[in-house]
Structures are given as C-alpha cells and as structure tokens.
Amino acid sequence: MTDVNITHRWSTRLSLRNTVFQAEILELLKAVEQAAALPTQQLTILIDNQASFHSAENPKNHNTITRQIFKLLHSHPHIIVSWIKVHVGYIGNEEADRMAKEAVETENFPETSLELPKSYIKTFLHQKMMAIWKMACDDGDTGRLFHNIIPKVSLQPINWTHNEVLFFTGHGPIPSFLQRFNLAKTSCGGNRHTDPLCHYPPHSLLPYGTIQPTTTASVVPQRSQQFNIKKEYP
C-alpha cells in the first residue's frame, strides 16, 4: 500500500455481540499479517484507535488477538505501528472506513466468528440471573407479603432499619418464627406462611430493656444484640 495506490483489501463482518474494540483490533491484526507477508522493508501501519494501539504494545495483555499482533511485531521489527489523531487525509484509513460501512449495510456479508467479549457475557449472565430470580419470587409460595410490598427484584439495597427487616420478613425474634425451631411454645395465633404479621405484639421487636415483659425467653442473635420476647397466653 502506498499513498496513492491500494494493493490489498480485506473486510468482514462481526456479530452484533462483539465490540467495536474487537473489530478495531482484528483490523490491525490483518494489516500486520499482510505487512509481514511482504518483502522485508521498513513499513508503518497507521491507526486512529488509541485502545488498539496501546493494547498491541502491551506485552502483558491477555487478549488472544492482541497477543498475536504483539508476537508478529516482535518477530518483524521492521513493521512499525503508529497512532494518528484522525484518519482524514490518509487514503488507506479512509478506504478502511468505507469498507467497514459497506460490510454493515450489505446483506449476507461474510462473517468472522470471534469469542464473545467479557462485557457481553457479564451482561447476559446478569440479565439471566435477574430473570430467574424474578420468576422465583413471582411464582413462590412463601414471602408473599414481602413480595406485595416490593414486587420487583433488584440488587440495590433497601434502606430499612433492623426492626423493619424483622417485621416484614418474619425472621428473627418473632413468636411464629421461633416456634418453627422449637424456641417458643406458641406462635401467638399467627401463621408465617399465610400472614406473618398476624398477632405479632409490637413490643416483641423492641430491643432488650425497652419493655417490661411478664414472661420472657432469651434470644441472642448475631452482633451480640439481645432481644426479649414477650409471650402472650390466652
């Protein structure tokens, strides 16, 4: 390739799942491979993508295509890769952009298969996880009260107090929950699976020392915080 004549052309199409960086780095690989096949002479490859330029010169980069470029440049020291700010005015770079647009707009254009980028895999797994989580919450048999309050699943924390979490989840120093583990003799008439808030004395969620119960059962949850459960008998 010279300033006025184009001696070699190559173009392809990538999957929509691939990134722009993968397209740029593949383009650089093909340019280096073509330069390496020419007779030994001083050659300079001009690219206007900084990410590709810095990636190709980094020996610690683990990208498969980048490693191929680095090895080719190391074994062919007469090939130099140089970065330019803009491609306007450089015939080869302008032609590369034109061919890229042609590949996008042409139906049934030959496609090159590349490994999926980590960003796509992470996004796909995240969406899949959230969909499975939402399905489990929507179709589940337990936690219906909590689901009615917050029907959408999210990784964002809910700014609830400790007592609010105990109250709405039904887990903790609550009679019906403790009875499931034989830590309380009565559930105070409530059924956690149908109505976890049924017959819960409000003071049963208060920290130790704020109430004066008549009959108590000690419960020591995590973080050394003690609660006192007031039992109410008929």
Protein backbone atom coordinates (compact mmCIF):
# COMPACT_ATOMS: atom_id res chain seq x y z
CA MET A 1 0.00 0.00 0.00
CA THR A 2 1.28 3.45 -0.96
CA ASP A 3 -0.06 6.99 -0.68
CA VAL A 4 -1.94 6.70 -3.98
CA ASN A 5 -2.39 3.01 -4.72
CA ILE A 6 -4.19 0.31 -2.70
CA THR A 7 -2.63 -3.09 -3.26
CA HIS A 8 -4.65 -5.20 -0.81
CA ARG A 9 -8.19 -5.15 0.57
CA TRP A 10 -9.87 -7.24 3.27
CA SER A 11 -13.19 -6.83 5.02
CA THR A 12 -15.55 -8.90 7.15
CA ARG A 13 -18.49 -8.57 9.49
CA LEU A 14 -18.66 -9.43 13.19
CA SER A 15 -21.59 -10.48 15.30
CA LEU A 16 -23.63 -7.77 17.00
CA ARG A 17 -22.45 -9.30 20.27
CA ASN A 18 -18.87 -8.30 19.54
CA THR A 19 -17.47 -4.90 20.47
CA VAL A 20 -16.00 -2.05 18.43
CA PHE A 21 -12.64 -2.72 20.08
CA GLN A 22 -12.68 -6.30 18.78
CA ALA A 23 -13.35 -5.01 15.27
CA GLU A 24 -10.51 -2.48 15.51
CA ILE A 25 -8.01 -4.96 16.90
CA LEU A 26 -8.94 -7.58 14.26
CA GLU A 27 -8.42 -4.95 11.57
CA LEU A 28 -4.95 -4.22 12.96
CA LEU A 29 -4.11 -7.94 13.04
CA LYS A 30 -4.96 -8.34 9.35
CA ALA A 31 -2.85 -5.29 8.49
CA VAL A 32 0.14 -6.66 10.41
CA GLU A 33 -0.27 -10.10 8.83
CA GLN A 34 -0.32 -8.56 5.36
CA ALA A 35 2.74 -6.44 6.15
CA ALA A 36 4.59 -9.49 7.48
CA ALA A 37 3.94 -11.33 4.21
CA LEU A 38 5.58 -8.58 2.13
CA PRO A 39 9.31 -8.44 1.38
CA THR A 40 11.35 -7.18 4.30
CA GLN A 41 11.36 -3.41 4.25
CA GLN A 42 10.51 -0.60 6.61
CA LEU A 43 6.72 -0.44 6.92
CA THR A 44 4.47 1.79 9.00
CA ILE A 45 0.86 0.97 9.84
CA LEU A 46 -1.26 4.00 10.74
CA ILE A 47 -4.25 3.54 13.07
CA ASP A 48 -6.54 6.12 14.65
CA ASN A 49 -7.76 3.95 17.54
CA GLN A 50 -5.79 4.54 20.74
CA ALA A 51 -7.17 1.46 22.51
CA SER A 52 -5.86 -0.83 19.76
CA PHE A 53 -2.53 0.97 19.66
CA HIS A 54 -1.85 0.70 23.40
CA SER A 55 -3.20 -2.84 23.58
CA ALA A 56 -0.88 -4.06 20.82
CA GLU A 57 2.23 -2.65 22.51
CA ASN A 58 1.40 -4.15 25.91
CA PRO A 59 3.21 -7.49 26.42
CA LYS A 60 1.02 -8.32 29.43
CA ASN A 61 -2.27 -8.08 27.55
CA HIS A 62 -4.17 -11.39 27.63
CA ASN A 63 -6.42 -10.73 24.64
CA THR A 64 -5.89 -13.51 22.08
CA ILE A 65 -5.79 -11.25 19.02
CA THR A 66 -3.60 -8.70 20.78
CA ARG A 67 -1.11 -11.41 21.68
CA GLN A 68 -0.92 -12.46 18.02
CA ILE A 69 -0.21 -8.86 16.98
CA PHE A 70 2.48 -8.46 19.62
CA LYS A 71 4.24 -11.67 18.56
CA LEU A 72 4.18 -10.66 14.88
CA LEU A 73 5.58 -7.21 15.63
CA HIS A 74 8.25 -8.72 17.87
CA SER A 75 9.36 -11.15 15.14
CA HIS A 76 9.17 -8.46 12.43
CA PRO A 77 10.88 -5.39 13.91
CA HIS A 78 10.76 -3.60 10.55
CA ILE A 79 6.98 -3.20 10.96
CA ILE A 80 6.01 -0.11 12.97
CA VAL A 81 2.53 0.71 14.24
CA SER A 82 1.88 4.42 14.63
CA TRP A 83 -1.13 6.25 16.02
CA ILE A 84 -2.70 9.22 14.21
CA LYS A 85 -5.33 11.57 15.64
CA VAL A 86 -7.68 11.43 12.66
CA HIS A 87 -7.92 9.26 9.57
CA VAL A 88 -8.97 12.09 7.24
CA GLY A 89 -6.31 12.65 4.59
CA TYR A 90 -4.92 9.11 4.81
CA ILE A 91 -6.16 7.15 1.79
CA GLY A 92 -5.78 3.71 3.33
CA ASN A 93 -7.62 4.65 6.54
CA GLU A 94 -10.44 6.37 4.65
CA GLU A 95 -10.83 3.29 2.45
CA ALA A 96 -10.95 1.07 5.54
CA ASP A 97 -13.82 3.15 6.95
CA ARG A 98 -15.69 3.00 3.66
CA MET A 99 -15.34 -0.79 3.50
CA ALA A 100 -16.50 -1.11 7.12
CA LYS A 101 -19.70 0.78 6.31
CA GLU A 102 -20.19 -1.35 3.21
CA ALA A 103 -19.90 -4.54 5.28
CA VAL A 104 -22.54 -3.28 7.72
CA GLU A 105 -25.01 -2.27 5.02
CA THR A 106 -24.57 -5.34 2.77
CA GLU A 107 -26.83 -8.34 3.41
CA ASN A 108 -25.28 -11.81 3.77
CA PHE A 109 -21.80 -10.34 4.08
CA PRO A 110 -19.16 -12.92 5.14
CA GLU A 111 -18.94 -13.01 8.93
CA THR A 112 -15.93 -13.80 11.12
CA SER A 113 -16.59 -15.64 14.36
CA LEU A 114 -14.81 -14.24 17.42
CA GLU A 115 -15.03 -15.15 21.08
CA LEU A 116 -17.65 -13.21 22.97
CA PRO A 117 -16.30 -10.27 24.98
CA LYS A 118 -16.35 -10.46 28.78
CA SER A 119 -18.63 -7.42 28.94
CA TYR A 120 -21.31 -9.21 26.91
CA ILE A 121 -21.02 -12.42 28.97
CA LYS A 122 -21.31 -10.48 32.24
CA THR A 123 -24.36 -8.58 30.97
CA PHE A 124 -26.00 -11.76 29.67
CA LEU A 125 -25.45 -13.66 32.93
CA HIS A 126 -26.70 -10.70 34.96
CA GLN A 127 -29.91 -10.47 32.93
CA LYS A 128 -30.41 -14.25 33.12
CA MET A 129 -29.88 -14.25 36.89
CA MET A 130 -32.35 -11.40 37.41
CA ALA A 131 -34.96 -13.13 35.22
CA ILE A 132 -34.65 -16.41 37.17
CA TRP A 133 -34.76 -14.53 40.46
CA LYS A 134 -37.90 -12.62 39.43
CA MET A 135 -39.61 -15.82 38.28
CA ALA A 136 -38.82 -17.49 41.61
CA CYS A 137 -40.22 -14.50 43.51
CA ASP A 138 -43.37 -14.22 41.39
CA ASP A 139 -44.20 -17.93 41.48
CA GLY A 140 -43.04 -18.74 45.01
CA ASP A 141 -45.29 -19.93 47.85
CA THR A 142 -43.55 -18.07 50.67
CA GLY A 143 -42.70 -14.46 51.29
CA ARG A 144 -45.93 -13.24 49.68
CA LEU A 145 -46.31 -10.27 52.00
CA PHE A 146 -42.79 -9.09 51.24
CA HIS A 147 -43.44 -9.63 47.52
CA ASN A 148 -46.58 -7.50 47.69
CA ILE A 149 -44.59 -4.68 49.27
CA ILE A 150 -41.63 -4.91 46.86
CA PRO A 151 -42.72 -6.83 43.73
CA LYS A 152 -39.57 -6.06 41.73
CA VAL A 153 -36.23 -7.77 42.27
CA SER A 154 -33.17 -5.55 42.47
CA LEU A 155 -29.55 -5.64 43.61
CA GLN A 156 -29.95 -2.19 45.12
CA PRO A 157 -30.21 -2.25 48.93
CA ILE A 158 -33.42 -1.23 50.66
CA ASN A 159 -32.79 1.33 53.35
CA TRP A 160 -34.81 -0.40 56.03
CA THR A 161 -33.99 -0.41 59.71
CA HIS A 162 -33.16 -3.64 61.51
CA ASN A 163 -36.63 -3.85 63.06
CA GLU A 164 -38.32 -3.18 59.73
CA VAL A 165 -36.44 -6.10 58.16
CA LEU A 166 -37.56 -8.38 61.02
CA PHE A 167 -41.12 -7.14 60.78
CA PHE A 168 -41.61 -7.57 57.03
CA THR A 169 -39.61 -10.79 56.53
CA GLY A 170 -40.95 -12.54 59.61
CA HIS A 171 -37.44 -13.74 60.50
CA GLY A 172 -35.92 -13.09 63.88
CA PRO A 173 -37.26 -12.80 67.44
CA ILE A 174 -40.85 -13.29 66.35
CA PRO A 175 -43.03 -15.96 68.03
CA SER A 176 -44.17 -17.82 64.90
CA PHE A 177 -40.60 -17.91 63.57
CA LEU A 178 -39.14 -19.12 66.86
CA GLN A 179 -41.78 -21.83 67.20
CA ARG A 180 -40.60 -23.39 63.94
CA PHE A 181 -37.30 -24.15 65.66
CA ASN A 182 -38.86 -25.13 68.99
CA LEU A 183 -37.64 -21.93 70.59
CA ALA A 184 -41.15 -20.78 71.51
CA LYS A 185 -44.17 -22.70 72.75
CA THR A 186 -46.72 -20.65 70.90
CA SER A 187 -46.95 -18.68 67.69
CA CYS A 188 -49.44 -16.28 69.27
CA GLY A 189 -52.02 -17.46 66.76
CA GLY A 190 -50.11 -16.28 63.70
CA ASN A 191 -49.18 -18.31 60.65
CA ARG A 192 -45.98 -17.04 58.99
CA HIS A 193 -46.74 -18.62 55.61
CA THR A 194 -50.22 -17.09 55.31
CA ASP A 195 -49.95 -13.95 57.40
CA PRO A 196 -46.55 -13.46 59.05
CA LEU A 197 -47.70 -10.29 60.83
CA CYS A 198 -50.76 -11.88 62.41
CA HIS A 199 -50.88 -11.37 66.18
CA TYR A 200 -47.32 -10.09 66.47
CA PRO A 201 -47.08 -7.92 69.58
CA PRO A 202 -45.37 -4.67 68.51
CA HIS A 203 -43.11 -4.76 71.56
CA SER A 204 -41.80 -8.20 70.54
CA LEU A 205 -39.50 -6.44 68.05
CA LEU A 206 -38.11 -3.91 70.51
CA PRO A 207 -34.56 -4.24 71.88
CA TYR A 208 -33.99 -5.65 75.31
CA GLY A 209 -34.60 -3.18 78.12
CA THR A 210 -37.32 -1.13 76.42
CA ILE A 211 -40.19 -3.27 77.72
CA GLN A 212 -41.11 -4.99 80.96
CA PRO A 213 -42.34 -8.46 79.97
CA THR A 214 -44.02 -10.79 82.43
CA THR A 215 -42.62 -13.99 80.94
CA THR A 216 -39.53 -13.97 78.75
CA ALA A 217 -37.35 -16.20 76.61
CA SER A 218 -33.81 -15.07 75.81
CA VAL A 219 -32.71 -14.96 72.22
CA VAL A 220 -29.16 -13.89 71.27
CA PRO A 221 -28.89 -13.10 67.53
CA GLN A 222 -25.74 -12.03 65.72
CA ARG A 223 -23.69 -8.97 66.67
CA SER A 224 -24.36 -9.67 70.36
CA GLN A 225 -27.66 -7.80 70.27
CA GLN A 226 -30.20 -9.21 72.71
CA PHE A 227 -33.94 -9.19 72.36
CA ASN A 228 -36.68 -10.03 74.80
CA ILE A 229 -39.73 -11.86 73.51
CA LYS A 230 -42.93 -11.37 75.43
CA LYS A 231 -45.14 -14.43 75.41
CA GLU A 232 -48.84 -13.85 75.49
CA TYR A 233 -51.02 -16.66 76.68
CA PRO A 234 -54.79 -16.81 76.41
